[in-house]
Amino acid sequence: MHSETMSRRAILALAASAALVSAVPAWAQTAPQPARIGVIGAGNIGSTIGGLWAKAGHEVMLSSRHPETLKGLVEGLGPKARAGTPAEAIAFGDVILIAVPYKAYPQLAQDYGAALKGKIVIDAGNATQARDGEVYGEVQASGIAAVSAKYLAGARIVRGFNAANYKLFAKNAAQREGGRMAIPIAGDDPRALAAVSKLVSDAGFDPVVVGPLAKADSFAMGSPGFGLDLTAPELATRLGVAR
């Protein structure tokens, strides 16, 4: 009886382990499989980070309401890049990078909120007073983590690629003297964090998991953690993250 009970426990343990692994996309596990990444917004951040992923071998769809205008951009990013509408990019992607002005988030939620539910979403938006109006006021009152969670409700949100200007990303994507540039990320879903950590690494940076989504306020625009060009150990120390 004892051995039968142990056998059942072993089977349950194996099943639980298998479920955990299967919840992480195949490309984010040990095998080097490409991801399919949909990019909402083809501006400076979207095209820079999307281009780095395409160079690393991932399949990338940059999007616009008028995808024909992206023809030259995607051709310049190589054969792994393509163009589509936002709806097509969301359907295409294992992971979605949102890189649009923050004032667009209410409309984004209205148009695509249902399609984003359950998706791993890298939220790279920042709120600025001059550009983002009422949504900037929400961020000042509640913090950007809470506001992103409101407009991206149901998505597996990871804040990332929001903590510096795109020029810094473009400059530091390659190996540099002293170690790779660190990218802070934060989210509530451990499997989403693991998947995004791999994509950060594939883009040429070192991920630093700061903590749950609420911790994203520590590297939001205007915070002491914003705009830092540091290695992972240096950034972890600056943000008080244990490594």
Foldseek 3Di string as FASTA:
>chain_A
DVVVVVVVVVVVVVVVVVVVVVVFDPCLDDDPDAFEEFEEDCPLLRLLLQLLSVVLPHQYEYEDCPFVVCVVSQVVSDDSYYYDHNVVSLVRGLEYEYDDEPLCLQVCLVPCLVSQAAHLYAYQYAHDCVPRPPLNVVCVVPNPLVSNCVSNPRHQYKYKNNQADSVLLNVQQAADPPGGWEIEIAADDPSSVSSVQVSCVSSRHHYDDLYHSVLVSCRGPPHPNGHDGDHRVVSCVVSVHDD
